[in-house]
């Protein structure tokens, strides 16, 4: 086990898309991303197998498995965690949980960094949003170095949401719930539009948090760890067959 630069298998399945990646420390080695909606159950395991194969690695070469822990899709989270637990049990590997919103924020930061920073100040904050239907989103606030400023919560959006951060001129919104917030601000005639980064969540966004967790031996109990749904799952009532 390499404590300084661990090889971590990252699995992300909290939204419609899914992805897997390999990282060494905070460095991304390789990634497979699948945008096809609701494909986690059929694609995740083959994606892991393909990822390891094309990097000439086996599970025995991996030091830990990181899983996107939520909030997010009930089914997607369950599928991803089941796969992660199976790998951890089979190979006696530690399990790491990464907040889905933290991974979203990192993905947005990576995109901006790849485009010469995008003019973002070092003290900018990132506000990822997961669509929770109607005008509700699951959100949190992170600093540019990934530290949590405000914890995960459900937010009913209106034109005054996150007004303090928008007024600072140093805020980045991202995630599949941010588009409706952008439309809301436009329709309300907001004088100062913040920056919105359209970037899907990918497992590569988990690597920084996962590396820090590994260094601190912040591992989950593989037997009892459950996804963070934020809200209780409510099954829909099946329609009667005609």
C-alpha atoms as a PDB file:
ATOM      1  CA  UNK A   1       0.000   0.000   0.000  1.00  0.00           C
ATOM      2  CA  UNK A   2       1.474   3.325  -1.121  1.00  0.00           C
ATOM      3  CA  UNK A   3       0.619   5.988   1.425  1.00  0.00           C
ATOM      4  CA  UNK A   4       2.265   8.810  -0.526  1.00  0.00           C
ATOM      5  CA  UNK A   5       0.795   8.184  -3.998  1.00  0.00           C
ATOM      6  CA  UNK A   6      -1.934   5.576  -3.664  1.00  0.00           C
ATOM      7  CA  UNK A   7      -3.607   4.185  -6.747  1.00  0.00           C
ATOM      8  CA  UNK A   8      -7.324   4.704  -6.242  1.00  0.00           C
ATOM      9  CA  UNK A   9     -10.210   3.382  -8.322  1.00  0.00           C
ATOM     10  CA  UNK A  10     -12.926   6.069  -8.401  1.00  0.00           C
ATOM     11  CA  UNK A  11     -16.548   5.139  -9.171  1.00  0.00           C
ATOM     12  CA  UNK A  12     -19.200   7.798  -9.874  1.00  0.00           C
ATOM     13  CA  UNK A  13     -22.860   6.901 -10.425  1.00  0.00           C
ATOM     14  CA  UNK A  14     -24.877   9.495  -8.526  1.00  0.00           C
ATOM     15  CA  UNK A  15     -26.592  11.140 -11.515  1.00  0.00           C
ATOM     16  CA  UNK A  16     -27.823   9.993 -14.936  1.00  0.00           C
ATOM     17  CA  UNK A  17     -24.305   9.521 -16.301  1.00  0.00           C
ATOM     18  CA  UNK A  18     -21.590   7.351 -14.798  1.00  0.00           C
ATOM     19  CA  UNK A  19     -17.821   7.080 -14.925  1.00  0.00           C
ATOM     20  CA  UNK A  20     -14.809   5.291 -13.476  1.00  0.00           C
ATOM     21  CA  UNK A  21     -11.237   6.513 -13.213  1.00  0.00           C
ATOM     22  CA  UNK A  22      -7.803   5.696 -11.879  1.00  0.00           C
ATOM     23  CA  UNK A  23      -5.828   8.231  -9.915  1.00  0.00           C
ATOM     24  CA  UNK A  24      -2.421   8.214  -8.273  1.00  0.00           C
ATOM     25  CA  UNK A  25      -2.419  10.620  -5.398  1.00  0.00           C
ATOM     26  CA  UNK A  26      -4.221  13.666  -6.793  1.00  0.00           C
ATOM     27  CA  UNK A  27      -3.088  12.923 -10.352  1.00  0.00           C
ATOM     28  CA  UNK A  28      -5.578  11.507 -12.853  1.00  0.00           C
ATOM     29  CA  UNK A  29      -4.228   8.489 -14.746  1.00  0.00           C
ATOM     30  CA  UNK A  30      -7.205   7.485 -16.880  1.00  0.00           C
ATOM     31  CA  UNK A  31     -10.984   7.777 -17.043  1.00  0.00           C
ATOM     32  CA  UNK A  32     -13.975   6.255 -18.802  1.00  0.00           C
ATOM     33  CA  UNK A  33     -17.124   8.373 -18.955  1.00  0.00           C
ATOM     34  CA  UNK A  34     -20.559   7.190 -20.102  1.00  0.00           C
ATOM     35  CA  UNK A  35     -23.256   9.855 -20.624  1.00  0.00           C
ATOM     36  CA  UNK A  36     -26.015   7.343 -21.411  1.00  0.00           C
ATOM     37  CA  UNK A  37     -28.801   7.884 -18.812  1.00  0.00           C
ATOM     38  CA  UNK A  38     -29.598   5.160 -16.296  1.00  0.00           C
ATOM     39  CA  UNK A  39     -26.921   2.819 -17.568  1.00  0.00           C
ATOM     40  CA  UNK A  40     -25.065   2.232 -14.310  1.00  0.00           C
ATOM     41  CA  UNK A  41     -26.318  -1.304 -13.680  1.00  0.00           C
ATOM     42  CA  UNK A  42     -25.243  -2.612 -17.080  1.00  0.00           C
ATOM     43  CA  UNK A  43     -22.102  -0.580 -17.729  1.00  0.00           C
ATOM     44  CA  UNK A  44     -20.229   0.149 -14.493  1.00  0.00           C
ATOM     45  CA  UNK A  45     -18.661  -3.280 -13.911  1.00  0.00           C
ATOM     46  CA  UNK A  46     -17.475  -3.678 -17.554  1.00  0.00           C
ATOM     47  CA  UNK A  47     -16.125  -0.104 -17.419  1.00  0.00           C
ATOM     48  CA  UNK A  48     -13.993  -0.977 -14.386  1.00  0.00           C
ATOM     49  CA  UNK A  49     -12.711  -4.117 -16.094  1.00  0.00           C
ATOM     50  CA  UNK A  50     -11.865  -2.169 -19.258  1.00  0.00           C
ATOM     51  CA  UNK A  51     -10.175   0.621 -17.313  1.00  0.00           C
ATOM     52  CA  UNK A  52      -7.866  -1.769 -15.479  1.00  0.00           C
ATOM     53  CA  UNK A  53      -7.121  -3.797 -18.600  1.00  0.00           C
ATOM     54  CA  UNK A  54      -6.086  -0.862 -20.766  1.00  0.00           C
ATOM     55  CA  UNK A  55      -3.755   0.352 -17.989  1.00  0.00           C
ATOM     56  CA  UNK A  56      -2.234  -3.122 -17.525  1.00  0.00           C
ATOM     57  CA  UNK A  57      -3.400  -3.265 -13.942  1.00  0.00           C
ATOM     58  CA  UNK A  58      -5.328  -5.707 -11.809  1.00  0.00           C
ATOM     59  CA  UNK A  59      -7.313  -5.128  -8.642  1.00  0.00           C
ATOM     60  CA  UNK A  60      -4.269  -6.248  -6.643  1.00  0.00           C
ATOM     61  CA  UNK A  61      -2.458  -3.113  -7.913  1.00  0.00           C
ATOM     62  CA  UNK A  62      -5.138  -0.827  -6.431  1.00  0.00           C
ATOM     63  CA  UNK A  63      -4.781   0.657  -2.944  1.00  0.00           C
ATOM     64  CA  UNK A  64      -8.404   1.769  -2.361  1.00  0.00           C
ATOM     65  CA  UNK A  65     -11.810   2.238  -3.964  1.00  0.00           C
ATOM     66  CA  UNK A  66     -13.583   5.610  -3.775  1.00  0.00           C
ATOM     67  CA  UNK A  67     -17.310   5.901  -4.320  1.00  0.00           C
ATOM     68  CA  UNK A  68     -19.473   8.958  -4.918  1.00  0.00           C
ATOM     69  CA  UNK A  69     -21.609   8.812  -1.773  1.00  0.00           C
ATOM     70  CA  UNK A  70     -24.407  11.226  -2.624  1.00  0.00           C
ATOM     71  CA  UNK A  71     -26.649  13.076  -2.649  1.00  0.00           C
ATOM     72  CA  UNK A  72     -28.026  11.877  -5.948  1.00  0.00           C
ATOM     73  CA  UNK A  73     -30.110   9.233  -7.660  1.00  0.00           C
ATOM     74  CA  UNK A  74     -31.278   6.505  -5.299  1.00  0.00           C
ATOM     75  CA  UNK A  75     -30.776   3.744  -7.855  1.00  0.00           C
ATOM     76  CA  UNK A  76     -27.489   5.106  -9.190  1.00  0.00           C
ATOM     77  CA  UNK A  77     -26.011   5.429  -5.722  1.00  0.00           C
ATOM     78  CA  UNK A  78     -27.068   1.896  -4.785  1.00  0.00           C
ATOM     79  CA  UNK A  79     -25.602   0.381  -7.936  1.00  0.00           C
ATOM     80  CA  UNK A  80     -22.285   2.177  -7.549  1.00  0.00           C
ATOM     81  CA  UNK A  81     -21.924   1.343  -3.879  1.00  0.00           C
ATOM     82  CA  UNK A  82     -22.768  -2.312  -4.447  1.00  0.00           C
ATOM     83  CA  UNK A  83     -19.995  -2.566  -7.025  1.00  0.00           C
ATOM     84  CA  UNK A  84     -17.514  -0.709  -4.812  1.00  0.00           C
ATOM     85  CA  UNK A  85     -18.303  -2.898  -1.812  1.00  0.00           C
ATOM     86  CA  UNK A  86     -17.965  -6.053  -3.891  1.00  0.00           C
ATOM     87  CA  UNK A  87     -14.503  -5.007  -5.066  1.00  0.00           C
ATOM     88  CA  UNK A  88     -13.432  -3.995  -1.566  1.00  0.00           C
ATOM     89  CA  UNK A  89     -14.631  -7.259  -0.026  1.00  0.00           C
ATOM     90  CA  UNK A  90     -13.042  -9.374  -2.729  1.00  0.00           C
ATOM     91  CA  UNK A  91      -9.660  -7.642  -2.662  1.00  0.00           C
ATOM     92  CA  UNK A  92      -9.610  -6.522   1.007  1.00  0.00           C
ATOM     93  CA  UNK A  93      -9.364  -2.875   0.000  1.00  0.00           C
ATOM     94  CA  UNK A  94     -10.413   0.180   2.025  1.00  0.00           C
ATOM     95  CA  UNK A  95     -13.521   2.097   0.943  1.00  0.00           C
ATOM     96  CA  UNK A  96     -13.558   5.883   0.619  1.00  0.00           C
ATOM     97  CA  UNK A  97     -16.701   8.011   0.395  1.00  0.00           C
ATOM     98  CA  UNK A  98     -16.649  11.285  -1.564  1.00  0.00           C
ATOM     99  CA  UNK A  99     -19.442  13.835  -1.402  1.00  0.00           C
ATOM    100  CA  UNK A 100     -21.013  14.025  -4.869  1.00  0.00           C
ATOM    101  CA  UNK A 101     -21.270  17.811  -4.704  1.00  0.00           C
ATOM    102  CA  UNK A 102     -17.567  18.112  -3.825  1.00  0.00           C
ATOM    103  CA  UNK A 103     -16.754  16.042  -6.910  1.00  0.00           C
ATOM    104  CA  UNK A 104     -18.975  18.315  -9.032  1.00  0.00           C
ATOM    105  CA  UNK A 105     -17.152  21.389  -7.760  1.00  0.00           C
ATOM    106  CA  UNK A 106     -13.782  19.820  -8.581  1.00  0.00           C
ATOM    107  CA  UNK A 107     -14.948  18.971 -12.117  1.00  0.00           C
ATOM    108  CA  UNK A 108     -15.894  22.611 -12.691  1.00  0.00           C
ATOM    109  CA  UNK A 109     -12.550  23.763 -11.289  1.00  0.00           C
ATOM    110  CA  UNK A 110     -10.694  21.307 -13.540  1.00  0.00           C
ATOM    111  CA  UNK A 111     -12.515  22.657 -16.593  1.00  0.00           C
ATOM    112  CA  UNK A 112     -11.664  26.248 -15.686  1.00  0.00           C
ATOM    113  CA  UNK A 113      -8.043  25.346 -14.945  1.00  0.00           C
ATOM    114  CA  UNK A 114      -7.733  23.656 -18.342  1.00  0.00           C
ATOM    115  CA  UNK A 115      -8.860  26.891 -19.995  1.00  0.00           C
ATOM    116  CA  UNK A 116      -6.194  29.028 -18.316  1.00  0.00           C
ATOM    117  CA  UNK A 117      -8.164  29.555 -15.157  1.00  0.00           C
ATOM    118  CA  UNK A 118     -11.181  31.171 -16.766  1.00  0.00           C
ATOM    119  CA  UNK A 119     -10.450  34.440 -14.975  1.00  0.00           C
ATOM    120  CA  UNK A 120     -11.499  32.998 -11.614  1.00  0.00           C
ATOM    121  CA  UNK A 121     -10.038  34.569  -8.488  1.00  0.00           C
ATOM    122  CA  UNK A 122      -8.111  32.288  -6.092  1.00  0.00           C
ATOM    123  CA  UNK A 123     -10.696  33.009  -3.396  1.00  0.00           C
ATOM    124  CA  UNK A 124     -13.672  32.123  -5.608  1.00  0.00           C
ATOM    125  CA  UNK A 125     -16.309  29.755  -4.280  1.00  0.00           C
ATOM    126  CA  UNK A 126     -17.971  26.888  -6.127  1.00  0.00           C
ATOM    127  CA  UNK A 127     -21.653  26.085  -5.705  1.00  0.00           C
ATOM    128  CA  UNK A 128     -22.624  22.770  -7.347  1.00  0.00           C
ATOM    129  CA  UNK A 129     -26.301  21.912  -7.766  1.00  0.00           C
ATOM    130  CA  UNK A 130     -28.055  18.603  -8.321  1.00  0.00           C
ATOM    131  CA  UNK A 131     -31.534  18.893  -9.809  1.00  0.00           C
ATOM    132  CA  UNK A 132     -34.138  17.717  -7.298  1.00  0.00           C
ATOM    133  CA  UNK A 133     -37.182  18.542  -9.472  1.00  0.00           C
ATOM    134  CA  UNK A 134     -39.276  21.698  -9.730  1.00  0.00           C
ATOM    135  CA  UNK A 135     -37.215  24.584  -8.287  1.00  0.00           C
ATOM    136  CA  UNK A 136     -35.423  22.495  -5.689  1.00  0.00           C
ATOM    137  CA  UNK A 137     -31.750  21.546  -5.812  1.00  0.00           C
ATOM    138  CA  UNK A 138     -29.284  19.767  -3.564  1.00  0.00           C
ATOM    139  CA  UNK A 139     -26.377  22.097  -3.028  1.00  0.00           C
ATOM    140  CA  UNK A 140     -23.325  22.991  -0.964  1.00  0.00           C
ATOM    141  CA  UNK A 141     -20.618  25.672  -1.059  1.00  0.00           C
ATOM    142  CA  UNK A 142     -16.910  24.937  -1.468  1.00  0.00           C
ATOM    143  CA  UNK A 143     -13.774  27.039  -1.545  1.00  0.00           C
ATOM    144  CA  UNK A 144     -11.419  26.823  -4.527  1.00  0.00           C
ATOM    145  CA  UNK A 145      -9.207  24.412  -2.557  1.00  0.00           C
ATOM    146  CA  UNK A 146     -12.137  22.042  -1.985  1.00  0.00           C
ATOM    147  CA  UNK A 147     -12.869  22.817   1.659  1.00  0.00           C
ATOM    148  CA  UNK A 148     -16.538  22.937   2.610  1.00  0.00           C
ATOM    149  CA  UNK A 149     -17.926  26.387   3.425  1.00  0.00           C
ATOM    150  CA  UNK A 150     -21.591  25.388   3.685  1.00  0.00           C
ATOM    151  CA  UNK A 151     -22.745  21.805   4.062  1.00  0.00           C
ATOM    152  CA  UNK A 152     -25.085  19.844   1.835  1.00  0.00           C
ATOM    153  CA  UNK A 153     -28.724  20.914   1.953  1.00  0.00           C
ATOM    154  CA  UNK A 154     -31.893  21.077  -0.112  1.00  0.00           C
ATOM    155  CA  UNK A 155     -32.589  24.569  -1.471  1.00  0.00           C
ATOM    156  CA  UNK A 156     -35.768  25.982  -3.033  1.00  0.00           C
ATOM    157  CA  UNK A 157     -34.398  28.423  -5.570  1.00  0.00           C
ATOM    158  CA  UNK A 158     -35.624  31.991  -6.002  1.00  0.00           C
ATOM    159  CA  UNK A 159     -34.029  35.165  -7.340  1.00  0.00           C
ATOM    160  CA  UNK A 160     -32.437  35.899  -3.948  1.00  0.00           C
ATOM    161  CA  UNK A 161     -30.772  32.507  -3.514  1.00  0.00           C
ATOM    162  CA  UNK A 162     -27.015  32.755  -2.853  1.00  0.00           C
ATOM    163  CA  UNK A 163     -27.274  36.539  -3.245  1.00  0.00           C
ATOM    164  CA  UNK A 164     -24.286  37.208  -0.972  1.00  0.00           C
ATOM    165  CA  UNK A 165     -21.984  35.015  -3.057  1.00  0.00           C
ATOM    166  CA  UNK A 166     -23.264  36.460  -6.346  1.00  0.00           C
ATOM    167  CA  UNK A 167     -22.671  40.013  -5.087  1.00  0.00           C
ATOM    168  CA  UNK A 168     -19.028  39.140  -4.364  1.00  0.00           C
ATOM    169  CA  UNK A 169     -18.448  38.475  -8.063  1.00  0.00           C
ATOM    170  CA  UNK A 170     -16.372  35.420  -7.176  1.00  0.00           C
ATOM    171  CA  UNK A 171     -18.754  32.507  -7.497  1.00  0.00           C
ATOM    172  CA  UNK A 172     -19.063  29.589  -9.916  1.00  0.00           C
ATOM    173  CA  UNK A 173     -22.275  27.582 -10.280  1.00  0.00           C
ATOM    174  CA  UNK A 174     -22.232  24.141 -11.846  1.00  0.00           C
ATOM    175  CA  UNK A 175     -24.143  20.857 -11.960  1.00  0.00           C
ATOM    176  CA  UNK A 176     -27.341  19.679 -13.646  1.00  0.00           C
ATOM    177  CA  UNK A 177     -29.457  21.832 -11.318  1.00  0.00           C
ATOM    178  CA  UNK A 178     -27.687  25.097 -12.124  1.00  0.00           C
ATOM    179  CA  UNK A 179     -29.301  25.615 -15.551  1.00  0.00           C
ATOM    180  CA  UNK A 180     -32.713  26.382 -14.075  1.00  0.00           C
ATOM    181  CA  UNK A 181     -31.092  28.790 -11.610  1.00  0.00           C
ATOM    182  CA  UNK A 182     -29.448  30.604 -14.536  1.00  0.00           C
ATOM    183  CA  UNK A 183     -32.825  30.916 -16.265  1.00  0.00           C
ATOM    184  CA  UNK A 184     -34.415  32.157 -13.047  1.00  0.00           C
ATOM    185  CA  UNK A 185     -31.785  34.869 -12.640  1.00  0.00           C
ATOM    186  CA  UNK A 186     -32.106  35.935 -16.281  1.00  0.00           C
ATOM    187  CA  UNK A 187     -35.893  36.177 -16.086  1.00  0.00           C
ATOM    188  CA  UNK A 188     -35.692  38.212 -12.895  1.00  0.00           C
ATOM    189  CA  UNK A 189     -33.407  40.749 -14.562  1.00  0.00           C
ATOM    190  CA  UNK A 190     -30.401  40.171 -12.324  1.00  0.00           C
ATOM    191  CA  UNK A 191     -27.876  42.918 -12.999  1.00  0.00           C
ATOM    192  CA  UNK A 192     -24.808  40.810 -12.249  1.00  0.00           C
ATOM    193  CA  UNK A 193     -24.902  37.314 -13.709  1.00  0.00           C
ATOM    194  CA  UNK A 194     -22.479  34.896 -12.057  1.00  0.00           C
ATOM    195  CA  UNK A 195     -20.386  32.360 -13.940  1.00  0.00           C
ATOM    196  CA  UNK A 196     -22.063  29.063 -14.817  1.00  0.00           C
ATOM    197  CA  UNK A 197     -19.875  26.129 -15.870  1.00  0.00           C
ATOM    198  CA  UNK A 198     -21.624  23.427 -17.867  1.00  0.00           C
ATOM    199  CA  UNK A 199     -19.644  20.305 -16.984  1.00  0.00           C
ATOM    200  CA  UNK A 200     -21.058  16.867 -16.127  1.00  0.00           C
ATOM    201  CA  UNK A 201     -19.900  15.200 -12.957  1.00  0.00           C
ATOM    202  CA  UNK A 202     -17.101  12.714 -13.588  1.00  0.00           C
ATOM    203  CA  UNK A 203     -15.218  10.352 -11.320  1.00  0.00           C
ATOM    204  CA  UNK A 204     -12.046  12.359 -11.953  1.00  0.00           C
ATOM    205  CA  UNK A 205     -13.579  15.037  -9.742  1.00  0.00           C
ATOM    206  CA  UNK A 206     -13.319  12.613  -6.820  1.00  0.00           C
ATOM    207  CA  UNK A 207      -9.539  12.177  -6.942  1.00  0.00           C
ATOM    208  CA  UNK A 208      -8.451  15.118  -4.756  1.00  0.00           C
ATOM    209  CA  UNK A 209     -10.871  14.377  -1.914  1.00  0.00           C
ATOM    210  CA  UNK A 210     -10.149  10.656  -2.191  1.00  0.00           C
ATOM    211  CA  UNK A 211      -6.378  11.187  -1.958  1.00  0.00           C
ATOM    212  CA  UNK A 212      -6.789  13.351   1.143  1.00  0.00           C
ATOM    213  CA  UNK A 213      -9.073  10.776   2.747  1.00  0.00           C
ATOM    214  CA  UNK A 214      -6.562   8.015   2.024  1.00  0.00           C
ATOM    215  CA  UNK A 215      -3.711  10.036   3.559  1.00  0.00           C
ATOM    216  CA  UNK A 216      -5.802  10.508   6.710  1.00  0.00           C
ATOM    217  CA  UNK A 217      -6.957   6.858   6.729  1.00  0.00           C
ATOM    218  CA  UNK A 218     -10.512   8.193   6.575  1.00  0.00           C
ATOM    219  CA  UNK A 219     -12.141   4.974   5.432  1.00  0.00           C
ATOM    220  CA  UNK A 220     -15.750   3.815   5.552  1.00  0.00           C
ATOM    221  CA  UNK A 221     -17.014   0.678   7.244  1.00  0.00           C
ATOM    222  CA  UNK A 222     -17.549  -1.494   4.181  1.00  0.00           C
ATOM    223  CA  UNK A 223     -20.244  -3.571   5.872  1.00  0.00           C
ATOM    224  CA  UNK A 224     -22.406  -0.728   7.154  1.00  0.00           C
ATOM    225  CA  UNK A 225     -21.718   2.265   4.927  1.00  0.00           C
ATOM    226  CA  UNK A 226     -24.822   3.584   3.138  1.00  0.00           C
ATOM    227  CA  UNK A 227     -25.236   6.352   0.528  1.00  0.00           C
ATOM    228  CA  UNK A 228     -26.214   9.838   1.623  1.00  0.00           C
ATOM    229  CA  UNK A 229     -29.599  10.406   0.001  1.00  0.00           C
ATOM    230  CA  UNK A 230     -30.344  13.708   1.823  1.00  0.00           C
ATOM    231  CA  UNK A 231     -34.037  12.863   1.572  1.00  0.00           C
ATOM    232  CA  UNK A 232     -35.795   9.583   2.209  1.00  0.00           C
ATOM    233  CA  UNK A 233     -36.487   7.526  -0.887  1.00  0.00           C
ATOM    234  CA  UNK A 234     -40.182   7.372  -1.725  1.00  0.00           C
ATOM    235  CA  UNK A 235     -41.235   4.734  -4.226  1.00  0.00           C
ATOM    236  CA  UNK A 236     -43.821   5.767  -6.781  1.00  0.00           C
ATOM    237  CA  UNK A 237     -47.197   4.059  -6.935  1.00  0.00           C
ATOM    238  CA  UNK A 238     -47.234   1.641  -9.888  1.00  0.00           C
ATOM    239  CA  UNK A 239     -49.897   2.311 -12.483  1.00  0.00           C
ATOM    240  CA  UNK A 240     -52.602  -0.312 -12.875  1.00  0.00           C
ATOM    241  CA  UNK A 241     -52.366  -2.348 -16.014  1.00  0.00           C
ATOM    242  CA  UNK A 242     -55.308  -1.991 -18.370  1.00  0.00           C
END
